């Protein structure tokens, strides 16, 4: 189970007879999971920060072997890696 991060504000419209109410809540809404595989800590940190700021869940790995293992165990939606 992955920890939830950075709640996103979502809006729910409820209808009650003739009355309508707009309710704001802080549910966690994730865009998807991205695995970043890169040996550069700086690159992983910059990309992770940017993607998390846009409500993606980010996983990281420092090399191909670790990336392969995380890809199998976590099954991310997208893998970004340097060549």
N, C-alpha and C. Protein backbone atom coordinates (compact mmCIF):
# COMPACT_ATOMS: atom_id res chain seq x y z
N UNK A 1 0.86 -1.18 0.00
CA UNK A 1 0.00 0.00 0.00
C UNK A 1 0.90 1.23 0.00
N UNK A 2 0.68 2.14 -0.91
CA UNK A 2 1.47 3.36 -1.02
C UNK A 2 0.91 4.44 -0.12
N UNK A 3 1.79 5.22 0.53
CA UNK A 3 1.27 6.32 1.36
C UNK A 3 0.67 7.41 0.49
N UNK A 4 -0.36 8.06 1.00
CA UNK A 4 -1.00 9.15 0.27
C UNK A 4 -0.25 10.44 0.57
N UNK A 5 -0.08 11.25 -0.48
CA UNK A 5 0.65 12.50 -0.34
C UNK A 5 -0.15 13.65 -0.92
N UNK A 6 0.19 14.83 -0.49
CA UNK A 6 -0.33 16.07 -1.06
C UNK A 6 -1.81 16.01 -1.45
N UNK A 7 -2.71 16.21 -0.50
CA UNK A 7 -4.12 16.19 -0.86
C UNK A 7 -4.45 17.29 -1.88
N UNK A 8 -5.33 16.97 -2.79
CA UNK A 8 -5.77 17.94 -3.79
C UNK A 8 -7.19 18.36 -3.45
N UNK A 9 -7.50 19.62 -3.66
CA UNK A 9 -8.84 20.11 -3.38
C UNK A 9 -9.78 19.64 -4.48
N UNK A 10 -10.87 19.01 -4.09
CA UNK A 10 -11.86 18.56 -5.07
C UNK A 10 -13.19 19.19 -4.72
N UNK A 11 -14.04 19.33 -5.71
CA UNK A 11 -15.35 19.96 -5.50
C UNK A 11 -16.44 18.93 -5.77
N UNK A 12 -17.42 18.92 -4.87
CA UNK A 12 -18.56 18.03 -5.01
C UNK A 12 -19.83 18.88 -5.01
N UNK A 13 -20.68 18.67 -5.97
CA UNK A 13 -21.94 19.39 -6.06
C UNK A 13 -23.05 18.47 -5.58
N UNK A 14 -23.73 18.88 -4.54
CA UNK A 14 -24.81 18.09 -3.97
C UNK A 14 -26.13 18.78 -4.23
N UNK A 15 -27.12 18.03 -4.66
CA UNK A 15 -28.45 18.60 -4.89
C UNK A 15 -29.38 18.09 -3.80
N UNK A 16 -30.10 19.00 -3.15
CA UNK A 16 -31.06 18.64 -2.11
C UNK A 16 -32.34 19.40 -2.40
N UNK A 17 -33.25 18.77 -3.17
CA UNK A 17 -34.47 19.46 -3.56
C UNK A 17 -34.12 20.63 -4.45
N UNK A 18 -34.51 21.85 -4.03
CA UNK A 18 -34.21 23.06 -4.79
C UNK A 18 -32.90 23.70 -4.35
N UNK A 19 -32.33 23.17 -3.27
CA UNK A 19 -31.10 23.76 -2.75
C UNK A 19 -29.89 23.02 -3.30
N UNK A 20 -28.88 23.75 -3.66
CA UNK A 20 -27.63 23.15 -4.11
C UNK A 20 -26.51 23.70 -3.24
N UNK A 21 -25.58 22.86 -2.92
CA UNK A 21 -24.45 23.28 -2.09
C UNK A 21 -23.15 22.84 -2.73
N UNK A 22 -22.17 23.69 -2.69
CA UNK A 22 -20.85 23.36 -3.19
C UNK A 22 -19.98 23.05 -1.98
N UNK A 23 -19.47 21.86 -1.93
CA UNK A 23 -18.67 21.43 -0.79
C UNK A 23 -17.24 21.22 -1.26
N UNK A 24 -16.30 21.81 -0.55
CA UNK A 24 -14.88 21.62 -0.84
C UNK A 24 -14.34 20.60 0.15
N UNK A 25 -13.59 19.66 -0.35
CA UNK A 25 -12.98 18.67 0.53
C UNK A 25 -11.52 18.50 0.15
N UNK A 26 -10.77 17.88 1.03
CA UNK A 26 -9.35 17.67 0.76
C UNK A 26 -9.07 16.19 0.58
N UNK A 27 -9.73 15.58 -0.39
CA UNK A 27 -9.48 14.20 -0.73
C UNK A 27 -8.19 14.12 -1.53
N UNK A 28 -7.51 13.00 -1.43
CA UNK A 28 -6.32 12.81 -2.23
C UNK A 28 -6.72 12.29 -3.60
N UNK A 29 -6.36 13.06 -4.62
CA UNK A 29 -6.65 12.68 -5.99
C UNK A 29 -5.32 12.59 -6.72
N UNK A 30 -4.91 11.38 -7.06
CA UNK A 30 -3.63 11.18 -7.72
C UNK A 30 -3.83 11.08 -9.23
N UNK A 31 -2.89 11.64 -9.96
CA UNK A 31 -2.92 11.58 -11.42
C UNK A 31 -2.41 10.23 -11.92
N UNK A 32 -1.53 9.59 -11.19
CA UNK A 32 -0.92 8.32 -11.59
C UNK A 32 0.40 8.16 -10.86
N UNK A 33 1.03 7.02 -11.08
CA UNK A 33 2.30 6.72 -10.43
C UNK A 33 3.40 6.68 -11.47
N UNK A 34 4.50 7.40 -11.18
CA UNK A 34 5.63 7.47 -12.10
C UNK A 34 6.88 6.99 -11.38
N UNK A 35 7.60 6.09 -12.01
CA UNK A 35 8.88 5.60 -11.49
C UNK A 35 10.00 6.33 -12.23
N UNK A 36 10.88 6.98 -11.47
CA UNK A 36 12.04 7.67 -12.04
C UNK A 36 13.27 6.83 -11.74
N UNK A 37 13.98 6.41 -12.79
CA UNK A 37 15.20 5.63 -12.63
C UNK A 37 16.35 6.48 -13.15
N UNK A 38 17.22 6.90 -12.24
CA UNK A 38 18.34 7.76 -12.62
C UNK A 38 19.41 7.67 -11.55
N UNK A 39 20.68 7.60 -11.96
CA UNK A 39 21.75 7.52 -10.98
C UNK A 39 22.07 8.87 -10.34
N UNK A 40 21.57 9.94 -10.91
CA UNK A 40 21.81 11.28 -10.37
C UNK A 40 20.76 11.63 -9.31
N UNK A 41 21.22 11.80 -8.08
CA UNK A 41 20.30 12.17 -7.00
C UNK A 41 19.63 13.51 -7.29
N UNK A 42 20.39 14.44 -7.85
CA UNK A 42 19.85 15.76 -8.16
C UNK A 42 18.71 15.66 -9.18
N UNK A 43 18.89 14.85 -10.21
CA UNK A 43 17.84 14.68 -11.23
C UNK A 43 16.60 14.05 -10.61
N UNK A 44 16.80 13.01 -9.80
CA UNK A 44 15.65 12.36 -9.14
C UNK A 44 14.91 13.35 -8.26
N UNK A 45 15.64 14.16 -7.51
CA UNK A 45 15.02 15.13 -6.60
C UNK A 45 14.24 16.19 -7.37
N UNK A 46 14.81 16.74 -8.42
CA UNK A 46 14.14 17.79 -9.20
C UNK A 46 12.88 17.24 -9.87
N UNK A 47 13.00 16.09 -10.54
CA UNK A 47 11.83 15.50 -11.21
C UNK A 47 10.75 15.10 -10.21
N UNK A 48 11.17 14.51 -9.09
CA UNK A 48 10.19 14.10 -8.07
C UNK A 48 9.42 15.30 -7.54
N UNK A 49 10.13 16.36 -7.22
CA UNK A 49 9.47 17.56 -6.69
C UNK A 49 8.48 18.14 -7.68
N UNK A 50 8.88 18.21 -8.93
CA UNK A 50 7.99 18.77 -9.96
C UNK A 50 6.74 17.91 -10.12
N UNK A 51 6.93 16.61 -10.26
CA UNK A 51 5.79 15.71 -10.49
C UNK A 51 4.88 15.61 -9.28
N UNK A 52 5.44 15.57 -8.08
CA UNK A 52 4.62 15.54 -6.87
C UNK A 52 3.81 16.82 -6.75
N UNK A 53 4.40 17.94 -7.17
CA UNK A 53 3.70 19.22 -7.17
C UNK A 53 2.51 19.24 -8.13
N UNK A 54 2.53 18.34 -9.10
CA UNK A 54 1.42 18.21 -10.06
C UNK A 54 0.58 16.97 -9.75
N UNK A 55 0.67 16.54 -8.50
CA UNK A 55 -0.20 15.50 -7.94
C UNK A 55 0.02 14.10 -8.50
N UNK A 56 1.26 13.80 -8.89
CA UNK A 56 1.61 12.44 -9.27
C UNK A 56 2.27 11.77 -8.07
N UNK A 57 2.07 10.48 -7.94
CA UNK A 57 2.82 9.73 -6.94
C UNK A 57 4.12 9.32 -7.61
N UNK A 58 5.25 9.55 -6.95
CA UNK A 58 6.54 9.31 -7.56
C UNK A 58 7.32 8.26 -6.78
N UNK A 59 7.86 7.31 -7.51
CA UNK A 59 8.77 6.31 -6.98
C UNK A 59 10.12 6.56 -7.62
N UNK A 60 11.20 6.22 -6.92
CA UNK A 60 12.53 6.42 -7.50
C UNK A 60 13.38 5.17 -7.34
N UNK A 61 14.37 5.06 -8.23
CA UNK A 61 15.37 4.00 -8.18
C UNK A 61 16.68 4.58 -8.69
N UNK A 62 17.81 4.08 -8.16
CA UNK A 62 19.11 4.66 -8.51
C UNK A 62 19.80 3.93 -9.66
N UNK A 63 19.32 2.75 -10.04
CA UNK A 63 19.94 2.03 -11.15
C UNK A 63 18.92 1.11 -11.81
N UNK A 64 19.33 0.49 -12.91
CA UNK A 64 18.43 -0.36 -13.67
C UNK A 64 17.89 -1.55 -12.89
N UNK A 65 18.75 -2.18 -12.11
CA UNK A 65 18.31 -3.35 -11.34
C UNK A 65 17.24 -2.96 -10.33
N UNK A 66 17.48 -1.89 -9.58
CA UNK A 66 16.49 -1.42 -8.60
C UNK A 66 15.22 -0.95 -9.32
N UNK A 67 15.39 -0.28 -10.45
CA UNK A 67 14.23 0.17 -11.22
C UNK A 67 13.39 -1.00 -11.71
N UNK A 68 14.05 -2.05 -12.18
CA UNK A 68 13.34 -3.24 -12.64
C UNK A 68 12.55 -3.88 -11.50
N UNK A 69 13.19 -4.01 -10.34
CA UNK A 69 12.52 -4.60 -9.17
C UNK A 69 11.32 -3.76 -8.73
N UNK A 70 11.49 -2.43 -8.70
CA UNK A 70 10.38 -1.56 -8.29
C UNK A 70 9.26 -1.58 -9.33
N UNK A 71 9.62 -1.67 -10.60
CA UNK A 71 8.60 -1.73 -11.65
C UNK A 71 7.76 -2.99 -11.49
N UNK A 72 8.39 -4.11 -11.19
CA UNK A 72 7.66 -5.36 -11.00
C UNK A 72 6.78 -5.32 -9.75
N UNK A 73 7.32 -4.77 -8.66
CA UNK A 73 6.57 -4.80 -7.40
C UNK A 73 5.51 -3.70 -7.31
N UNK A 74 5.77 -2.52 -7.86
CA UNK A 74 4.86 -1.38 -7.72
C UNK A 74 3.95 -1.17 -8.93
N UNK A 75 4.35 -1.67 -10.09
CA UNK A 75 3.61 -1.53 -11.34
C UNK A 75 3.18 -0.08 -11.61
N UNK A 76 4.16 0.82 -11.80
CA UNK A 76 3.83 2.23 -12.06
C UNK A 76 3.14 2.41 -13.41
N UNK A 77 2.50 3.55 -13.56
CA UNK A 77 1.83 3.87 -14.83
C UNK A 77 2.83 4.30 -15.90
N UNK A 78 3.97 4.86 -15.46
CA UNK A 78 4.97 5.37 -16.39
C UNK A 78 6.34 5.21 -15.76
N UNK A 79 7.36 4.89 -16.57
CA UNK A 79 8.74 4.80 -16.10
C UNK A 79 9.56 5.80 -16.90
N UNK A 80 10.30 6.66 -16.19
CA UNK A 80 11.19 7.64 -16.81
C UNK A 80 12.61 7.24 -16.40
N UNK A 81 13.50 7.06 -17.41
CA UNK A 81 14.86 6.66 -17.09
C UNK A 81 15.86 7.30 -18.04
N UNK A 82 17.09 7.46 -17.53
CA UNK A 82 18.15 7.95 -18.41
C UNK A 82 18.79 6.74 -19.08
N UNK A 83 19.45 6.99 -20.20
CA UNK A 83 20.08 5.89 -20.94
C UNK A 83 21.58 6.05 -20.96
